[in-house]
Amino acid sequence: MPPISRTVHIGSSHGLYARPAKLFAQAAKDSGIPVTIAKGAGSPVNAASILGVIALGVEHGDYVTLTADGDGAEGVLDTLSELLTTDHDAE
């Protein structure tokens, strides 16, 4: 089965920093399958790496591309996409 990709709009008002980045990276790590995240045409980074995720400099309104490979990849992308589109800074 080839890797599955999905492009997602960032919902957190302060972008993918601190708390939203931690929640996202932890969920990617917990998925148990390889997941990458890339901003625009940039190089993908390991989505389970909080430092890699923060280093992308993703801001509110940016689009990122998630790619997952393995059993359950579609469900993992559903979960991660929901995390990214939610404004965790408003909670």
C-alpha atoms as a PDB file:
ATOM      1  CA  MET A   1       0.000   0.000   0.000  1.00  0.00           C
ATOM      2  CA  PRO A   2       1.509   3.369  -0.999  1.00  0.00           C
ATOM      3  CA  PRO A   3       1.803   6.213   1.526  1.00  0.00           C
ATOM      4  CA  ILE A   4      -1.284   8.414   1.936  1.00  0.00           C
ATOM      5  CA  SER A   5      -1.028  12.217   1.947  1.00  0.00           C
ATOM      6  CA  ARG A   6      -3.407  14.921   3.040  1.00  0.00           C
ATOM      7  CA  THR A   7      -3.139  18.736   2.955  1.00  0.00           C
ATOM      8  CA  VAL A   8      -4.505  20.499   6.040  1.00  0.00           C
ATOM      9  CA  HIS A   9      -5.211  24.135   7.000  1.00  0.00           C
ATOM     10  CA  ILE A  10      -3.763  25.171  10.401  1.00  0.00           C
ATOM     11  CA  GLY A  11      -6.471  26.323  12.812  1.00  0.00           C
ATOM     12  CA  SER A  12      -4.561  27.333  15.959  1.00  0.00           C
ATOM     13  CA  SER A  13      -4.440  31.126  16.161  1.00  0.00           C
ATOM     14  CA  HIS A  14      -0.753  31.071  17.150  1.00  0.00           C
ATOM     15  CA  GLY A  15       0.235  28.392  14.634  1.00  0.00           C
ATOM     16  CA  LEU A  16       1.948  25.110  15.346  1.00  0.00           C
ATOM     17  CA  TYR A  17       3.987  26.105  18.408  1.00  0.00           C
ATOM     18  CA  ALA A  18       4.167  25.038  22.059  1.00  0.00           C
ATOM     19  CA  ARG A  19       0.952  23.292  23.112  1.00  0.00           C
ATOM     20  CA  PRO A  20      -0.503  22.532  19.636  1.00  0.00           C
ATOM     21  CA  ALA A  21       2.889  21.238  18.440  1.00  0.00           C
ATOM     22  CA  LYS A  22       3.232  19.049  21.528  1.00  0.00           C
ATOM     23  CA  LEU A  23      -0.273  17.593  21.115  1.00  0.00           C
ATOM     24  CA  PHE A  24       0.341  16.936  17.418  1.00  0.00           C
ATOM     25  CA  ALA A  25       3.799  15.379  17.830  1.00  0.00           C
ATOM     26  CA  GLN A  26       2.591  13.144  20.681  1.00  0.00           C
ATOM     27  CA  ALA A  27      -0.382  11.926  18.614  1.00  0.00           C
ATOM     28  CA  ALA A  28       1.931  11.210  15.661  1.00  0.00           C
ATOM     29  CA  LYS A  29       4.282   9.268  17.945  1.00  0.00           C
ATOM     30  CA  ASP A  30       1.391   7.331  19.520  1.00  0.00           C
ATOM     31  CA  SER A  31       0.056   6.334  16.077  1.00  0.00           C
ATOM     32  CA  GLY A  32       2.783   3.713  15.756  1.00  0.00           C
ATOM     33  CA  ILE A  33       3.329   4.352  12.042  1.00  0.00           C
ATOM     34  CA  PRO A  34       5.710   6.700  10.210  1.00  0.00           C
ATOM     35  CA  VAL A  35       4.167  10.150   9.679  1.00  0.00           C
ATOM     36  CA  THR A  36       5.786  13.214   8.137  1.00  0.00           C
ATOM     37  CA  ILE A  37       4.682  16.844   7.946  1.00  0.00           C
ATOM     38  CA  ALA A  38       5.816  19.442   5.403  1.00  0.00           C
ATOM     39  CA  LYS A  39       5.033  23.141   5.025  1.00  0.00           C
ATOM     40  CA  GLY A  40       4.418  24.207   1.436  1.00  0.00           C
ATOM     41  CA  ALA A  41       7.082  22.842  -0.886  1.00  0.00           C
ATOM     42  CA  GLY A  42       9.547  22.386   1.991  1.00  0.00           C
ATOM     43  CA  SER A  43      11.182  19.156   3.037  1.00  0.00           C
ATOM     44  CA  PRO A  44       9.096  16.836   5.223  1.00  0.00           C
ATOM     45  CA  VAL A  45      10.078  16.233   8.840  1.00  0.00           C
ATOM     46  CA  ASN A  46       9.197  13.471  11.270  1.00  0.00           C
ATOM     47  CA  ALA A  47       5.793  14.457  12.693  1.00  0.00           C
ATOM     48  CA  ALA A  48       6.649  12.764  16.011  1.00  0.00           C
ATOM     49  CA  SER A  49       9.543  15.208  16.569  1.00  0.00           C
ATOM     50  CA  ILE A  50       8.308  18.285  18.446  1.00  0.00           C
ATOM     51  CA  LEU A  51      11.509  20.148  17.583  1.00  0.00           C
ATOM     52  CA  GLY A  52      11.141  19.258  13.904  1.00  0.00           C
ATOM     53  CA  VAL A  53       7.504  20.379  13.911  1.00  0.00           C
ATOM     54  CA  ILE A  54       8.273  23.703  15.634  1.00  0.00           C
ATOM     55  CA  ALA A  55      11.243  24.304  13.292  1.00  0.00           C
ATOM     56  CA  LEU A  56       8.850  24.319  10.307  1.00  0.00           C
ATOM     57  CA  GLY A  57       7.564  27.713  11.481  1.00  0.00           C
ATOM     58  CA  VAL A  58       3.933  26.881  10.721  1.00  0.00           C
ATOM     59  CA  GLU A  59       1.580  29.813  11.377  1.00  0.00           C
ATOM     60  CA  HIS A  60      -2.199  30.225  11.557  1.00  0.00           C
ATOM     61  CA  GLY A  61      -3.714  29.815   8.109  1.00  0.00           C
ATOM     62  CA  ASP A  62      -0.739  27.951   6.619  1.00  0.00           C
ATOM     63  CA  TYR A  63      -1.222  24.672   4.799  1.00  0.00           C
ATOM     64  CA  VAL A  64       0.800  21.581   5.644  1.00  0.00           C
ATOM     65  CA  THR A  65       0.964  18.177   4.003  1.00  0.00           C
ATOM     66  CA  LEU A  66       0.809  15.080   6.169  1.00  0.00           C
ATOM     67  CA  THR A  67       2.000  11.726   4.845  1.00  0.00           C
ATOM     68  CA  ALA A  68       1.486   8.404   6.633  1.00  0.00           C
ATOM     69  CA  ASP A  69       2.562   4.924   5.644  1.00  0.00           C
ATOM     70  CA  GLY A  70       1.262   1.716   7.185  1.00  0.00           C
ATOM     71  CA  ASP A  71      -1.813  -0.057   8.465  1.00  0.00           C
ATOM     72  CA  GLY A  72      -4.438   2.423   9.613  1.00  0.00           C
ATOM     73  CA  ALA A  73      -2.799   5.392   7.841  1.00  0.00           C
ATOM     74  CA  GLU A  74      -6.173   6.844   6.820  1.00  0.00           C
ATOM     75  CA  GLY A  75      -7.434   6.867  10.421  1.00  0.00           C
ATOM     76  CA  VAL A  76      -4.163   8.347  11.686  1.00  0.00           C
ATOM     77  CA  LEU A  77      -4.417  11.171   9.138  1.00  0.00           C
ATOM     78  CA  ASP A  78      -8.040  11.777  10.204  1.00  0.00           C
ATOM     79  CA  THR A  79      -6.958  12.166  13.837  1.00  0.00           C
ATOM     80  CA  LEU A  80      -3.929  14.340  13.078  1.00  0.00           C
ATOM     81  CA  SER A  81      -5.886  16.519  10.653  1.00  0.00           C
ATOM     82  CA  GLU A  82      -8.503  17.197  13.312  1.00  0.00           C
ATOM     83  CA  LEU A  83      -5.762  18.231  15.761  1.00  0.00           C
ATOM     84  CA  LEU A  84      -4.293  20.649  13.225  1.00  0.00           C
ATOM     85  CA  THR A  85      -7.565  22.286  12.193  1.00  0.00           C
ATOM     86  CA  THR A  86      -8.672  22.881  15.814  1.00  0.00           C
ATOM     87  CA  ASP A  87      -7.736  26.189  17.484  1.00  0.00           C
ATOM     88  CA  HIS A  88      -6.054  24.849  20.642  1.00  0.00           C
ATOM     89  CA  ASP A  89      -5.095  28.393  21.622  1.00  0.00           C
ATOM     90  CA  ALA A  90      -8.767  29.281  22.141  1.00  0.00           C
ATOM     91  CA  GLU A  91      -9.339  26.567  24.743  1.00  0.00           C
END
